[in-house]
Amino acid sequence: MSFDKNKFLRQHIYLNWLRPENILYEFHSNLILLETLKKIPKKSSKINLGVGNGINSFLAQGGEFNQEFDWYVNNHLRNKKSKDIYNQFNSGLSKKIVKKKNTIKFDTVIDNKKKPVKVVKVFRNF
């Protein structure tokens, strides 16, 4: 099956509906990362430094979310007490948000915050 860049772009459009200025930057950087990761032999170790909210890493690894998944609603509005919107972990994340599993896996995931690493581990296990 060939890679569909339009579908990949649509993933970025609906995931960034609240921040449209991020769409082209994240699409382009994730496309470069995806193409680079595909060239690395499967047996080689891969490290993800500065994972952030895990969404871009998941997309760049070939994963795909259902359109019902809304990071802004699922994360920001549920956790109004937190001062750091990027240091969140929603234990209610469901397999239903993942339409397609990521085909490339990072062996090690590192961030300066603990909760985003938990999110990536959840995405990786779907």
C-alpha atoms as a PDB file:
ATOM      1  CA  MET A   1       0.000   0.000   0.000  1.00  0.00           C
ATOM      2  CA  SER A   2       1.396   3.401  -0.953  1.00  0.00           C
ATOM      3  CA  PHE A   3       1.680   6.352   1.398  1.00  0.00           C
ATOM      4  CA  ASP A   4      -1.124   8.902   1.039  1.00  0.00           C
ATOM      5  CA  LYS A   5       0.227  12.413   1.703  1.00  0.00           C
ATOM      6  CA  ASN A   6      -3.261  13.941   1.435  1.00  0.00           C
ATOM      7  CA  LYS A   7      -4.547  11.637   4.159  1.00  0.00           C
ATOM      8  CA  PHE A   8      -1.508  12.476   6.281  1.00  0.00           C
ATOM      9  CA  LEU A   9      -2.210  16.201   5.792  1.00  0.00           C
ATOM     10  CA  ARG A  10      -5.887  15.721   6.745  1.00  0.00           C
ATOM     11  CA  GLN A  11      -4.745  14.109  10.019  1.00  0.00           C
ATOM     12  CA  HIS A  12      -2.810  17.285  10.796  1.00  0.00           C
ATOM     13  CA  ILE A  13      -5.683  19.554   9.769  1.00  0.00           C
ATOM     14  CA  TYR A  14      -8.273  18.071  12.091  1.00  0.00           C
ATOM     15  CA  LEU A  15      -5.817  17.556  14.961  1.00  0.00           C
ATOM     16  CA  ASN A  16      -4.780  21.217  14.764  1.00  0.00           C
ATOM     17  CA  TRP A  17      -8.176  22.818  14.212  1.00  0.00           C
ATOM     18  CA  LEU A  18      -7.596  25.230  17.086  1.00  0.00           C
ATOM     19  CA  ARG A  19      -4.061  26.106  16.009  1.00  0.00           C
ATOM     20  CA  PRO A  20      -4.175  26.212  12.185  1.00  0.00           C
ATOM     21  CA  GLU A  21      -0.842  28.040  12.068  1.00  0.00           C
ATOM     22  CA  ASN A  22       0.780  24.762  13.183  1.00  0.00           C
ATOM     23  CA  ILE A  23      -0.656  22.592  10.416  1.00  0.00           C
ATOM     24  CA  LEU A  24       1.925  23.071   7.665  1.00  0.00           C
ATOM     25  CA  TYR A  25       4.895  23.134  10.024  1.00  0.00           C
ATOM     26  CA  GLU A  26       3.875  19.924  11.821  1.00  0.00           C
ATOM     27  CA  PHE A  27       2.848  18.202   8.597  1.00  0.00           C
ATOM     28  CA  HIS A  28       6.164  18.978   6.933  1.00  0.00           C
ATOM     29  CA  SER A  29       8.348  18.106   9.941  1.00  0.00           C
ATOM     30  CA  ASN A  30       6.422  14.869  10.581  1.00  0.00           C
ATOM     31  CA  LEU A  31       6.659  13.939   6.910  1.00  0.00           C
ATOM     32  CA  ILE A  32      10.436  14.360   7.022  1.00  0.00           C
ATOM     33  CA  LEU A  33      10.635  12.360  10.254  1.00  0.00           C
ATOM     34  CA  LEU A  34       8.408   9.589   8.879  1.00  0.00           C
ATOM     35  CA  GLU A  35      10.482   9.291   5.702  1.00  0.00           C
ATOM     36  CA  THR A  36      13.694   9.255   7.780  1.00  0.00           C
ATOM     37  CA  LEU A  37      12.383   6.629  10.210  1.00  0.00           C
ATOM     38  CA  LYS A  38      11.413   4.354   7.315  1.00  0.00           C
ATOM     39  CA  LYS A  39      15.048   4.332   6.182  1.00  0.00           C
ATOM     40  CA  ILE A  40      16.382   3.163   9.554  1.00  0.00           C
ATOM     41  CA  PRO A  41      16.696  -0.627   9.796  1.00  0.00           C
ATOM     42  CA  LYS A  42      13.993  -2.148  12.008  1.00  0.00           C
ATOM     43  CA  LYS A  43      16.542  -3.731  14.345  1.00  0.00           C
ATOM     44  CA  SER A  44      18.235  -0.380  15.025  1.00  0.00           C
ATOM     45  CA  SER A  45      17.454   1.444  18.276  1.00  0.00           C
ATOM     46  CA  LYS A  46      15.403   4.618  17.960  1.00  0.00           C
ATOM     47  CA  ILE A  47      15.161   7.343  20.624  1.00  0.00           C
ATOM     48  CA  ASN A  48      12.501  10.056  20.771  1.00  0.00           C
ATOM     49  CA  LEU A  49      13.819  13.092  22.652  1.00  0.00           C
ATOM     50  CA  GLY A  50      11.329  15.761  23.724  1.00  0.00           C
ATOM     51  CA  VAL A  51       8.185  13.831  22.975  1.00  0.00           C
ATOM     52  CA  GLY A  52       5.733  16.634  23.853  1.00  0.00           C
ATOM     53  CA  ASN A  53       2.099  15.539  23.758  1.00  0.00           C
ATOM     54  CA  GLY A  54       2.942  12.393  21.791  1.00  0.00           C
ATOM     55  CA  ILE A  55       0.649  13.196  18.885  1.00  0.00           C
ATOM     56  CA  ASN A  56       3.317  14.235  16.405  1.00  0.00           C
ATOM     57  CA  SER A  57       5.517  11.281  17.317  1.00  0.00           C
ATOM     58  CA  PHE A  58       2.594   8.920  16.818  1.00  0.00           C
ATOM     59  CA  LEU A  59       1.770  10.384  13.389  1.00  0.00           C
ATOM     60  CA  ALA A  60       5.422  10.388  12.343  1.00  0.00           C
ATOM     61  CA  GLN A  61       5.607   6.696  13.244  1.00  0.00           C
ATOM     62  CA  GLY A  62       2.785   5.907  10.820  1.00  0.00           C
ATOM     63  CA  GLY A  63      -0.071   5.983  13.331  1.00  0.00           C
ATOM     64  CA  GLU A  64      -3.460   7.465  12.613  1.00  0.00           C
ATOM     65  CA  PHE A  65      -6.164   8.853  14.923  1.00  0.00           C
ATOM     66  CA  ASN A  66      -9.918   8.641  14.501  1.00  0.00           C
ATOM     67  CA  GLN A  67     -11.429  12.022  13.686  1.00  0.00           C
ATOM     68  CA  GLU A  68     -13.392  11.882  16.955  1.00  0.00           C
ATOM     69  CA  PHE A  69     -10.132  12.349  18.862  1.00  0.00           C
ATOM     70  CA  ASP A  70      -9.677  15.982  19.823  1.00  0.00           C
ATOM     71  CA  TRP A  71      -6.535  16.652  21.825  1.00  0.00           C
ATOM     72  CA  TYR A  72      -7.653  20.164  22.774  1.00  0.00           C
ATOM     73  CA  VAL A  73     -10.967  18.988  24.194  1.00  0.00           C
ATOM     74  CA  ASN A  74      -9.717  15.716  25.673  1.00  0.00           C
ATOM     75  CA  ASN A  75      -6.721  17.278  27.338  1.00  0.00           C
ATOM     76  CA  HIS A  76      -7.162  20.955  28.045  1.00  0.00           C
ATOM     77  CA  LEU A  77     -10.781  21.140  29.115  1.00  0.00           C
ATOM     78  CA  ARG A  78     -10.652  18.113  31.400  1.00  0.00           C
ATOM     79  CA  ASN A  79      -7.642  19.362  33.297  1.00  0.00           C
ATOM     80  CA  LYS A  80      -8.501  22.961  34.081  1.00  0.00           C
ATOM     81  CA  LYS A  81      -6.663  22.849  37.420  1.00  0.00           C
ATOM     82  CA  SER A  82      -3.293  22.192  35.816  1.00  0.00           C
ATOM     83  CA  LYS A  83      -1.115  25.157  34.956  1.00  0.00           C
ATOM     84  CA  ASP A  84       0.875  23.204  32.371  1.00  0.00           C
ATOM     85  CA  ILE A  85      -1.303  22.054  29.493  1.00  0.00           C
ATOM     86  CA  TYR A  86       1.509  19.941  28.046  1.00  0.00           C
ATOM     87  CA  ASN A  87       2.190  17.999  31.233  1.00  0.00           C
ATOM     88  CA  GLN A  88      -1.059  16.051  31.164  1.00  0.00           C
ATOM     89  CA  PHE A  89      -2.057  12.424  31.221  1.00  0.00           C
ATOM     90  CA  ASN A  90      -5.645  11.393  30.679  1.00  0.00           C
ATOM     91  CA  SER A  91      -6.023   7.896  32.096  1.00  0.00           C
ATOM     92  CA  GLY A  92      -9.250   7.601  30.113  1.00  0.00           C
ATOM     93  CA  LEU A  93      -7.420   7.442  26.782  1.00  0.00           C
ATOM     94  CA  SER A  94      -9.119   4.756  24.806  1.00  0.00           C
ATOM     95  CA  LYS A  95      -8.171   2.432  21.991  1.00  0.00           C
ATOM     96  CA  LYS A  96     -11.082   4.009  20.134  1.00  0.00           C
ATOM     97  CA  ILE A  97      -9.013   7.114  19.372  1.00  0.00           C
ATOM     98  CA  VAL A  98      -6.483   5.131  17.342  1.00  0.00           C
ATOM     99  CA  LYS A  99      -7.605   4.302  13.807  1.00  0.00           C
ATOM    100  CA  LYS A 100      -4.297   2.755  12.726  1.00  0.00           C
ATOM    101  CA  LYS A 101      -1.449   1.560  14.901  1.00  0.00           C
ATOM    102  CA  ASN A 102       1.954   3.113  14.443  1.00  0.00           C
ATOM    103  CA  THR A 103       4.149   0.901  12.285  1.00  0.00           C
ATOM    104  CA  ILE A 104       7.474   2.260  13.530  1.00  0.00           C
ATOM    105  CA  LYS A 105       8.340   2.089  17.223  1.00  0.00           C
ATOM    106  CA  PHE A 106      10.756   4.125  19.304  1.00  0.00           C
ATOM    107  CA  ASP A 107      12.722   2.009  21.757  1.00  0.00           C
ATOM    108  CA  THR A 108      13.228   4.873  24.196  1.00  0.00           C
ATOM    109  CA  VAL A 109      11.037   7.919  24.803  1.00  0.00           C
ATOM    110  CA  ILE A 110      12.383  10.865  26.801  1.00  0.00           C
ATOM    111  CA  ASP A 111      10.863  14.185  27.842  1.00  0.00           C
ATOM    112  CA  ASN A 112      11.624  16.591  30.665  1.00  0.00           C
ATOM    113  CA  LYS A 113       8.102  15.939  31.959  1.00  0.00           C
ATOM    114  CA  LYS A 114       6.785  12.557  33.093  1.00  0.00           C
ATOM    115  CA  LYS A 115       3.162  12.674  31.950  1.00  0.00           C
ATOM    116  CA  PRO A 116       3.775  13.066  28.188  1.00  0.00           C
ATOM    117  CA  VAL A 117       5.951   9.950  28.293  1.00  0.00           C
ATOM    118  CA  LYS A 118       2.967   8.069  29.793  1.00  0.00           C
ATOM    119  CA  VAL A 119       0.785   9.248  26.898  1.00  0.00           C
ATOM    120  CA  VAL A 120       3.276   7.979  24.332  1.00  0.00           C
ATOM    121  CA  LYS A 121       3.449   4.623  26.097  1.00  0.00           C
ATOM    122  CA  VAL A 122      -0.348   4.379  25.862  1.00  0.00           C
ATOM    123  CA  PHE A 123      -0.298   5.214  22.132  1.00  0.00           C
ATOM    124  CA  ARG A 124       2.490   2.692  21.580  1.00  0.00           C
ATOM    125  CA  ASN A 125       0.518  -0.093  23.224  1.00  0.00           C
ATOM    126  CA  PHE A 126      -2.656   0.321  21.147  1.00  0.00           C
END
